[in-house]
C-alpha atoms as a PDB file:
ATOM      1  CA  MET A   1       0.000   0.000   0.000  1.00  0.00           C
ATOM      2  CA  ASN A   2       2.768   2.383   0.883  1.00  0.00           C
ATOM      3  CA  LYS A   3       4.395   1.770  -2.505  1.00  0.00           C
ATOM      4  CA  ILE A   4       1.222   2.690  -4.384  1.00  0.00           C
ATOM      5  CA  THR A   5       0.347   5.903  -2.493  1.00  0.00           C
ATOM      6  CA  PRO A   6       3.200   8.049  -3.915  1.00  0.00           C
ATOM      7  CA  ASP A   7       2.133   7.089  -7.439  1.00  0.00           C
ATOM      8  CA  ILE A   8      -1.470   8.096  -6.682  1.00  0.00           C
ATOM      9  CA  ASP A   9      -0.319  11.404  -5.195  1.00  0.00           C
ATOM     10  CA  SER A  10       1.896  12.054  -8.211  1.00  0.00           C
ATOM     11  CA  ALA A  11      -0.943  11.348 -10.624  1.00  0.00           C
ATOM     12  CA  THR A  12      -3.256  13.635  -8.646  1.00  0.00           C
ATOM     13  CA  ASP A  13      -0.668  16.416  -8.637  1.00  0.00           C
ATOM     14  CA  GLY A  14      -0.176  15.991 -12.377  1.00  0.00           C
ATOM     15  CA  ARG A  15      -3.885  16.265 -13.105  1.00  0.00           C
ATOM     16  CA  SER A  16      -4.140  19.309 -10.844  1.00  0.00           C
ATOM     17  CA  ALA A  17      -1.235  21.004 -12.606  1.00  0.00           C
ATOM     18  CA  ARG A  18      -2.734  20.294 -16.038  1.00  0.00           C
ATOM     19  CA  TRP A  19      -6.126  21.617 -14.896  1.00  0.00           C
ATOM     20  CA  GLN A  20      -4.577  24.804 -13.544  1.00  0.00           C
ATOM     21  CA  ALA A  21      -2.643  25.276 -16.782  1.00  0.00           C
ATOM     22  CA  HIS A  22      -5.856  24.775 -18.758  1.00  0.00           C
ATOM     23  CA  ARG A  23      -7.743  27.299 -16.605  1.00  0.00           C
ATOM     24  CA  SER A  24      -4.949  29.826 -16.941  1.00  0.00           C
ATOM     25  CA  GLN A  25      -4.847  29.408 -20.711  1.00  0.00           C
ATOM     26  CA  ARG A  26      -8.621  29.682 -20.973  1.00  0.00           C
ATOM     27  CA  HIS A  27      -8.605  32.755 -18.698  1.00  0.00           C
ATOM     28  CA  GLU A  28      -6.125  34.522 -20.992  1.00  0.00           C
ATOM     29  CA  GLU A  29      -8.073  33.492 -24.091  1.00  0.00           C
ATOM     30  CA  LEU A  30     -11.335  34.849 -22.671  1.00  0.00           C
ATOM     31  CA  LEU A  31      -9.609  38.116 -21.740  1.00  0.00           C
ATOM     32  CA  LYS A  32      -8.288  38.569 -25.280  1.00  0.00           C
ATOM     33  CA  LEU A  33     -11.723  37.888 -26.732  1.00  0.00           C
ATOM     34  CA  ALA A  34     -13.334  40.321 -24.266  1.00  0.00           C
ATOM     35  CA  ARG A  35     -10.775  42.957 -25.214  1.00  0.00           C
ATOM     36  CA  LYS A  36     -11.725  42.595 -28.882  1.00  0.00           C
ATOM     37  CA  ALA A  37     -15.430  42.735 -28.017  1.00  0.00           C
ATOM     38  CA  VAL A  38     -15.077  45.953 -26.003  1.00  0.00           C
ATOM     39  CA  HIS A  39     -12.909  47.511 -28.714  1.00  0.00           C
ATOM     40  CA  LYS A  40     -15.574  46.777 -31.348  1.00  0.00           C
ATOM     41  CA  LEU A  41     -18.833  47.157 -29.409  1.00  0.00           C
ATOM     42  CA  GLY A  42     -18.055  49.994 -26.985  1.00  0.00           C
ATOM     43  CA  PRO A  43     -17.500  50.602 -23.251  1.00  0.00           C
ATOM     44  CA  GLN A  44     -21.173  49.967 -22.365  1.00  0.00           C
ATOM     45  CA  VAL A  45     -21.078  46.452 -23.830  1.00  0.00           C
ATOM     46  CA  SER A  46     -22.939  43.828 -21.792  1.00  0.00           C
ATOM     47  CA  MET A  47     -21.605  40.489 -20.595  1.00  0.00           C
ATOM     48  CA  GLU A  48     -24.061  38.794 -22.938  1.00  0.00           C
ATOM     49  CA  GLU A  49     -22.689  40.743 -25.909  1.00  0.00           C
ATOM     50  CA  ILE A  50     -19.102  39.981 -24.895  1.00  0.00           C
ATOM     51  CA  ALA A  51     -19.888  36.268 -24.620  1.00  0.00           C
ATOM     52  CA  ALA A  52     -21.697  36.247 -27.965  1.00  0.00           C
ATOM     53  CA  HIS A  53     -18.788  38.035 -29.643  1.00  0.00           C
ATOM     54  CA  ALA A  54     -16.442  35.438 -28.130  1.00  0.00           C
ATOM     55  CA  LYS A  55     -18.734  32.655 -29.395  1.00  0.00           C
ATOM     56  CA  THR A  56     -19.262  31.274 -25.916  1.00  0.00           C
ATOM     57  CA  SER A  57     -21.894  31.578 -23.182  1.00  0.00           C
ATOM     58  CA  LYS A  58     -22.336  34.195 -20.488  1.00  0.00           C
ATOM     59  CA  PRO A  59     -22.007  31.588 -17.672  1.00  0.00           C
ATOM     60  CA  VAL A  60     -18.485  30.808 -18.931  1.00  0.00           C
ATOM     61  CA  TYR A  61     -17.429  34.417 -18.325  1.00  0.00           C
ATOM     62  CA  TYR A  62     -19.145  34.422 -14.934  1.00  0.00           C
ATOM     63  CA  ARG A  63     -17.306  31.209 -14.027  1.00  0.00           C
ATOM     64  CA  TYR A  64     -13.916  32.764 -14.737  1.00  0.00           C
ATOM     65  CA  PHE A  65     -14.482  36.394 -13.682  1.00  0.00           C
ATOM     66  CA  GLY A  66     -17.443  36.397 -11.298  1.00  0.00           C
ATOM     67  CA  ASP A  67     -19.310  39.312 -12.889  1.00  0.00           C
ATOM     68  CA  LYS A  68     -18.802  42.250 -15.227  1.00  0.00           C
ATOM     69  CA  GLU A  69     -16.819  44.170 -12.609  1.00  0.00           C
ATOM     70  CA  GLY A  70     -14.535  41.167 -12.157  1.00  0.00           C
ATOM     71  CA  LEU A  71     -13.944  41.102 -15.907  1.00  0.00           C
ATOM     72  CA  ARG A  72     -13.315  44.861 -15.904  1.00  0.00           C
ATOM     73  CA  GLN A  73     -10.749  44.458 -13.152  1.00  0.00           C
ATOM     74  CA  ALA A  74      -8.938  41.625 -14.923  1.00  0.00           C
ATOM     75  CA  LEU A  75      -8.957  43.413 -18.275  1.00  0.00           C
ATOM     76  CA  GLY A  76      -8.018  46.692 -16.620  1.00  0.00           C
ATOM     77  CA  ALA A  77      -4.923  45.158 -15.037  1.00  0.00           C
ATOM     78  CA  VAL A  78      -3.709  44.046 -18.475  1.00  0.00           C
ATOM     79  CA  VAL A  79      -4.485  47.304 -20.273  1.00  0.00           C
ATOM     80  CA  ILE A  80      -3.093  49.485 -17.483  1.00  0.00           C
ATOM     81  CA  SER A  81       0.101  47.415 -17.530  1.00  0.00           C
ATOM     82  CA  ASP A  82       0.433  48.247 -21.245  1.00  0.00           C
ATOM     83  CA  PHE A  83      -0.060  51.948 -20.434  1.00  0.00           C
ATOM     84  CA  ARG A  84       2.475  51.732 -17.629  1.00  0.00           C
ATOM     85  CA  ASP A  85       5.186  50.166 -19.786  1.00  0.00           C
ATOM     86  CA  SER A  86       4.804  52.641 -22.647  1.00  0.00           C
ATOM     87  CA  ILE A  87       4.429  55.819 -20.601  1.00  0.00           C
ATOM     88  CA  ILE A  88       7.229  55.092 -18.136  1.00  0.00           C
ATOM     89  CA  ALA A  89       9.534  54.123 -21.009  1.00  0.00           C
ATOM     90  CA  ALA A  90       8.678  57.365 -22.820  1.00  0.00           C
ATOM     91  CA  GLY A  91       9.459  59.426 -19.717  1.00  0.00           C
ATOM     92  CA  LEU A  92      12.777  57.695 -19.093  1.00  0.00           C
ATOM     93  CA  ALA A  93      13.901  57.993 -22.711  1.00  0.00           C
ATOM     94  CA  GLU A  94      14.080  61.802 -22.625  1.00  0.00           C
ATOM     95  CA  GLY A  95      17.007  63.584 -21.030  1.00  0.00           C
ATOM     96  CA  ASP A  96      15.388  66.934 -20.220  1.00  0.00           C
ATOM     97  CA  GLU A  97      12.363  67.405 -17.983  1.00  0.00           C
ATOM     98  CA  ALA A  98      10.156  69.228 -20.504  1.00  0.00           C
ATOM     99  CA  GLY A  99      10.892  66.604 -23.148  1.00  0.00           C
ATOM    100  CA  ALA A 100      10.080  63.797 -20.719  1.00  0.00           C
ATOM    101  CA  LEU A 101       6.717  65.318 -19.838  1.00  0.00           C
ATOM    102  CA  ARG A 102       5.774  65.813 -23.476  1.00  0.00           C
ATOM    103  CA  ALA A 103       6.828  62.253 -24.327  1.00  0.00           C
ATOM    104  CA  MET A 104       4.684  60.844 -21.504  1.00  0.00           C
ATOM    105  CA  VAL A 105       1.659  62.936 -22.512  1.00  0.00           C
ATOM    106  CA  THR A 106       2.075  61.868 -26.135  1.00  0.00           C
ATOM    107  CA  ALA A 107       2.350  58.189 -25.196  1.00  0.00           C
ATOM    108  CA  TYR A 108      -0.795  58.423 -23.051  1.00  0.00           C
ATOM    109  CA  LEU A 109      -2.805  60.072 -25.837  1.00  0.00           C
ATOM    110  CA  GLU A 110      -1.568  57.568 -28.427  1.00  0.00           C
ATOM    111  CA  LEU A 111      -2.584  54.605 -26.268  1.00  0.00           C
ATOM    112  CA  ALA A 112      -6.005  56.049 -25.437  1.00  0.00           C
ATOM    113  CA  LYS A 113      -6.671  56.968 -29.067  1.00  0.00           C
ATOM    114  CA  GLY A 114      -5.729  53.434 -30.144  1.00  0.00           C
ATOM    115  CA  SER A 115      -8.987  52.180 -28.597  1.00  0.00           C
ATOM    116  CA  PRO A 116     -11.168  54.788 -26.885  1.00  0.00           C
ATOM    117  CA  ASN A 117     -13.784  52.100 -26.208  1.00  0.00           C
ATOM    118  CA  LEU A 118     -11.302  49.948 -24.307  1.00  0.00           C
ATOM    119  CA  TYR A 119      -9.857  52.976 -22.503  1.00  0.00           C
ATOM    120  CA  PHE A 120     -13.256  54.124 -21.219  1.00  0.00           C
ATOM    121  CA  PHE A 121     -14.237  50.571 -20.260  1.00  0.00           C
ATOM    122  CA  VAL A 122     -11.241  49.944 -18.005  1.00  0.00           C
ATOM    123  CA  THR A 123     -11.032  53.458 -16.536  1.00  0.00           C
ATOM    124  CA  ALA A 124     -14.700  53.659 -15.536  1.00  0.00           C
ATOM    125  CA  GLN A 125     -13.721  54.300 -11.902  1.00  0.00           C
ATOM    126  CA  THR A 126     -14.569  56.741  -9.158  1.00  0.00           C
ATOM    127  CA  PRO A 127     -12.644  60.054  -9.177  1.00  0.00           C
ATOM    128  CA  ASP A 128     -11.043  59.033  -5.866  1.00  0.00           C
ATOM    129  CA  VAL A 129      -8.332  57.214  -7.788  1.00  0.00           C
ATOM    130  CA  LEU A 130      -6.520  60.543  -8.225  1.00  0.00           C
ATOM    131  CA  THR A 131      -7.628  62.577  -5.227  1.00  0.00           C
ATOM    132  CA  ALA A 132      -7.942  59.862  -2.555  1.00  0.00           C
ATOM    133  CA  PRO A 133      -5.495  57.103  -3.547  1.00  0.00           C
ATOM    134  CA  ASP A 134      -5.712  55.430  -0.122  1.00  0.00           C
ATOM    135  CA  ARG A 135      -9.292  54.403  -1.000  1.00  0.00           C
ATOM    136  CA  ALA A 136      -8.291  52.818  -4.308  1.00  0.00           C
ATOM    137  CA  ALA A 137      -6.660  49.612  -3.147  1.00  0.00           C
ATOM    138  CA  THR A 138      -8.247  46.760  -5.070  1.00  0.00           C
ATOM    139  CA  GLY A 139      -9.093  45.545  -8.554  1.00  0.00           C
ATOM    140  CA  SER A 140      -8.482  47.679 -11.622  1.00  0.00           C
ATOM    141  CA  THR A 141      -8.892  50.782  -9.446  1.00  0.00           C
ATOM    142  CA  GLY A 142      -5.914  49.565  -7.449  1.00  0.00           C
ATOM    143  CA  ALA A 143      -3.970  48.856 -10.634  1.00  0.00           C
ATOM    144  CA  LEU A 144      -4.787  52.333 -11.963  1.00  0.00           C
ATOM    145  CA  ASN A 145      -3.755  53.910  -8.679  1.00  0.00           C
ATOM    146  CA  ALA A 146      -0.474  51.943  -8.611  1.00  0.00           C
ATOM    147  CA  PHE A 147       0.202  53.202 -12.138  1.00  0.00           C
ATOM    148  CA  PHE A 148      -0.537  56.795 -11.086  1.00  0.00           C
ATOM    149  CA  ASP A 149       1.771  56.327  -8.096  1.00  0.00           C
ATOM    150  CA  GLU A 150       4.630  55.225 -10.335  1.00  0.00           C
ATOM    151  CA  VAL A 151       4.104  58.065 -12.792  1.00  0.00           C
ATOM    152  CA  THR A 152       3.865  60.500  -9.861  1.00  0.00           C
ATOM    153  CA  SER A 153       7.181  59.224  -8.512  1.00  0.00           C
ATOM    154  CA  LEU A 154       8.866  59.698 -11.885  1.00  0.00           C
ATOM    155  CA  MET A 155       7.390  63.193 -12.250  1.00  0.00           C
ATOM    156  CA  ASN A 156       8.611  64.093  -8.747  1.00  0.00           C
ATOM    157  CA  GLU A 157      12.125  62.985  -9.685  1.00  0.00           C
ATOM    158  CA  ARG A 158      12.018  65.083 -12.835  1.00  0.00           C
ATOM    159  CA  LEU A 159      10.580  68.034 -10.925  1.00  0.00           C
ATOM    160  CA  SER A 160      13.328  67.852  -8.297  1.00  0.00           C
ATOM    161  CA  ALA A 161      15.961  67.745 -11.030  1.00  0.00           C
ATOM    162  CA  HIS A 162      14.385  70.807 -12.675  1.00  0.00           C
ATOM    163  CA  PHE A 163      14.417  72.805  -9.433  1.00  0.00           C
ATOM    164  CA  ALA A 164      18.006  71.789  -8.702  1.00  0.00           C
ATOM    165  CA  ALA A 165      19.201  72.687 -12.195  1.00  0.00           C
ATOM    166  CA  HIS A 166      17.671  76.157 -11.948  1.00  0.00           C
ATOM    167  CA  THR A 167      18.562  76.737  -8.291  1.00  0.00           C
ATOM    168  CA  LEU A 168      14.918  77.025  -7.319  1.00  0.00           C
ATOM    169  CA  THR A 169      13.234  76.215  -4.028  1.00  0.00           C
ATOM    170  CA  PRO A 170       9.915  74.366  -4.291  1.00  0.00           C
ATOM    171  CA  SER A 171       6.947  75.636  -2.299  1.00  0.00           C
ATOM    172  CA  ASN A 172       4.900  73.526   0.090  1.00  0.00           C
ATOM    173  CA  ALA A 173       2.292  73.133  -2.662  1.00  0.00           C
ATOM    174  CA  THR A 174       4.741  71.653  -5.175  1.00  0.00           C
ATOM    175  CA  ALA A 175       4.176  68.109  -3.913  1.00  0.00           C
ATOM    176  CA  LEU A 176       0.576  68.323  -5.182  1.00  0.00           C
ATOM    177  CA  TRP A 177       1.657  69.154  -8.734  1.00  0.00           C
ATOM    178  CA  PRO A 178       2.239  65.633 -10.174  1.00  0.00           C
ATOM    179  CA  ARG A 179      -1.213  64.248  -9.311  1.00  0.00           C
ATOM    180  CA  ALA A 180      -2.858  67.543 -10.240  1.00  0.00           C
ATOM    181  CA  ALA A 181      -1.027  67.399 -13.569  1.00  0.00           C
ATOM    182  CA  LEU A 182      -2.227  63.827 -14.123  1.00  0.00           C
ATOM    183  CA  GLY A 183      -5.784  64.958 -13.447  1.00  0.00           C
ATOM    184  CA  MET A 184      -5.471  67.722 -16.021  1.00  0.00           C
ATOM    185  CA  ILE A 185      -3.943  65.399 -18.624  1.00  0.00           C
ATOM    186  CA  ARG A 186      -6.608  62.772 -18.049  1.00  0.00           C
ATOM    187  CA  SER A 187      -9.502  65.257 -18.166  1.00  0.00           C
ATOM    188  CA  ALA A 188      -8.246  66.987 -21.304  1.00  0.00           C
ATOM    189  CA  GLY A 189      -7.471  63.659 -22.952  1.00  0.00           C
ATOM    190  CA  GLU A 190     -10.940  62.276 -22.272  1.00  0.00           C
ATOM    191  CA  LEU A 191     -12.649  65.457 -23.510  1.00  0.00           C
ATOM    192  CA  TRP A 192     -10.520  65.232 -26.656  1.00  0.00           C
ATOM    193  CA  LEU A 193     -11.350  61.550 -27.202  1.00  0.00           C
ATOM    194  CA  ARG A 194     -15.060  62.347 -27.033  1.00  0.00           C
ATOM    195  CA  GLN A 195     -14.837  65.261 -29.462  1.00  0.00           C
ATOM    196  CA  PRO A 196     -16.169  64.418 -32.940  1.00  0.00           C
ATOM    197  CA  GLU A 197     -13.684  64.696 -35.764  1.00  0.00           C
ATOM    198  CA  ALA A 198     -13.971  68.233 -37.093  1.00  0.00           C
ATOM    199  CA  PRO A 199     -11.663  70.977 -38.455  1.00  0.00           C
ATOM    200  CA  GLY A 200     -11.437  72.640 -35.034  1.00  0.00           C
ATOM    201  CA  LYS A 201     -10.341  69.525 -33.164  1.00  0.00           C
ATOM    202  CA  PRO A 202      -6.633  69.600 -32.198  1.00  0.00           C
ATOM    203  CA  SER A 203      -4.393  66.846 -33.494  1.00  0.00           C
ATOM    204  CA  LEU A 204      -2.749  64.471 -31.051  1.00  0.00           C
ATOM    205  CA  ASN A 205       0.565  66.312 -31.342  1.00  0.00           C
ATOM    206  CA  GLU A 206      -1.110  69.709 -30.928  1.00  0.00           C
ATOM    207  CA  LEU A 207      -2.827  68.579 -27.746  1.00  0.00           C
ATOM    208  CA  ALA A 208       0.352  66.987 -26.349  1.00  0.00           C
ATOM    209  CA  GLU A 209       2.266  70.201 -27.044  1.00  0.00           C
ATOM    210  CA  ALA A 210      -0.446  72.363 -25.478  1.00  0.00           C
ATOM    211  CA  LEU A 211      -0.782  70.257 -22.336  1.00  0.00           C
ATOM    212  CA  SER A 212       2.980  70.127 -21.828  1.00  0.00           C
ATOM    213  CA  GLY A 213       3.199  73.890 -22.232  1.00  0.00           C
ATOM    214  CA  TRP A 214       0.312  74.565 -19.843  1.00  0.00           C
ATOM    215  CA  LEU A 215       1.842  72.348 -17.182  1.00  0.00           C
ATOM    216  CA  THR A 216       5.350  73.746 -17.402  1.00  0.00           C
ATOM    217  CA  HIS A 217       4.895  77.398 -18.383  1.00  0.00           C
ATOM    218  CA  GLY A 218       1.214  78.310 -18.101  1.00  0.00           C
ATOM    219  CA  ILE A 219      -1.718  78.886 -20.432  1.00  0.00           C
ATOM    220  CA  SER A 220      -0.166  81.962 -22.125  1.00  0.00           C
ATOM    221  CA  THR A 221       2.479  79.795 -23.823  1.00  0.00           C
ATOM    222  CA  ASN A 222      -0.123  78.305 -26.169  1.00  0.00           C
ATOM    223  CA  SER A 223      -2.130  81.436 -26.916  1.00  0.00           C
ATOM    224  CA  ARG A 224      -2.143  83.087 -30.308  1.00  0.00           C
ATOM    225  CA  SER A 225      -1.302  86.743 -30.616  1.00  0.00           C
END
């Protein structure tokens, strides 16, 4: 009996490992299909529509993600990770502070414009994610807040370097600037995404240039005389 038990345990462990691998693979497949569904059908897409687009049933998505919010959280973690990688890389690639800010703003706008439907689906969060980060600890809200924290840290480093290079002393309010800047970028970007295409709509580069100028030098830098 003792000789057989290890073989039984090994077989059980093997089946468990294969089942976990299958679930993980299926989880990733369902996420990719949901991402395509949201991109095509819009941020208000229902679970039933997502399942139909994925050629499966709604209970399958509930089994893997719990509910629509669970799916949003899982999809948000993936999409926000893509944002994080691109935006942080853009900020680190530039040597000067103004160039780094513009590169980060441009990367953000490019990613959001790539799929506004997906962007609005995964960022459908409470405004606390920027102004009360201690309340945004879980799910995609937590992932979004962690991303904002990392960007804030990079912006603080760049800001400190700017003050040091110009022999300036920051005020007590300076620490609020990075998150306030993120709020401005996000608000302007979302307004821009929702604007219909028309002659008066700024291009991506025009908006990136304007936002960078407003944040570093003030509104007068982008006015026309």
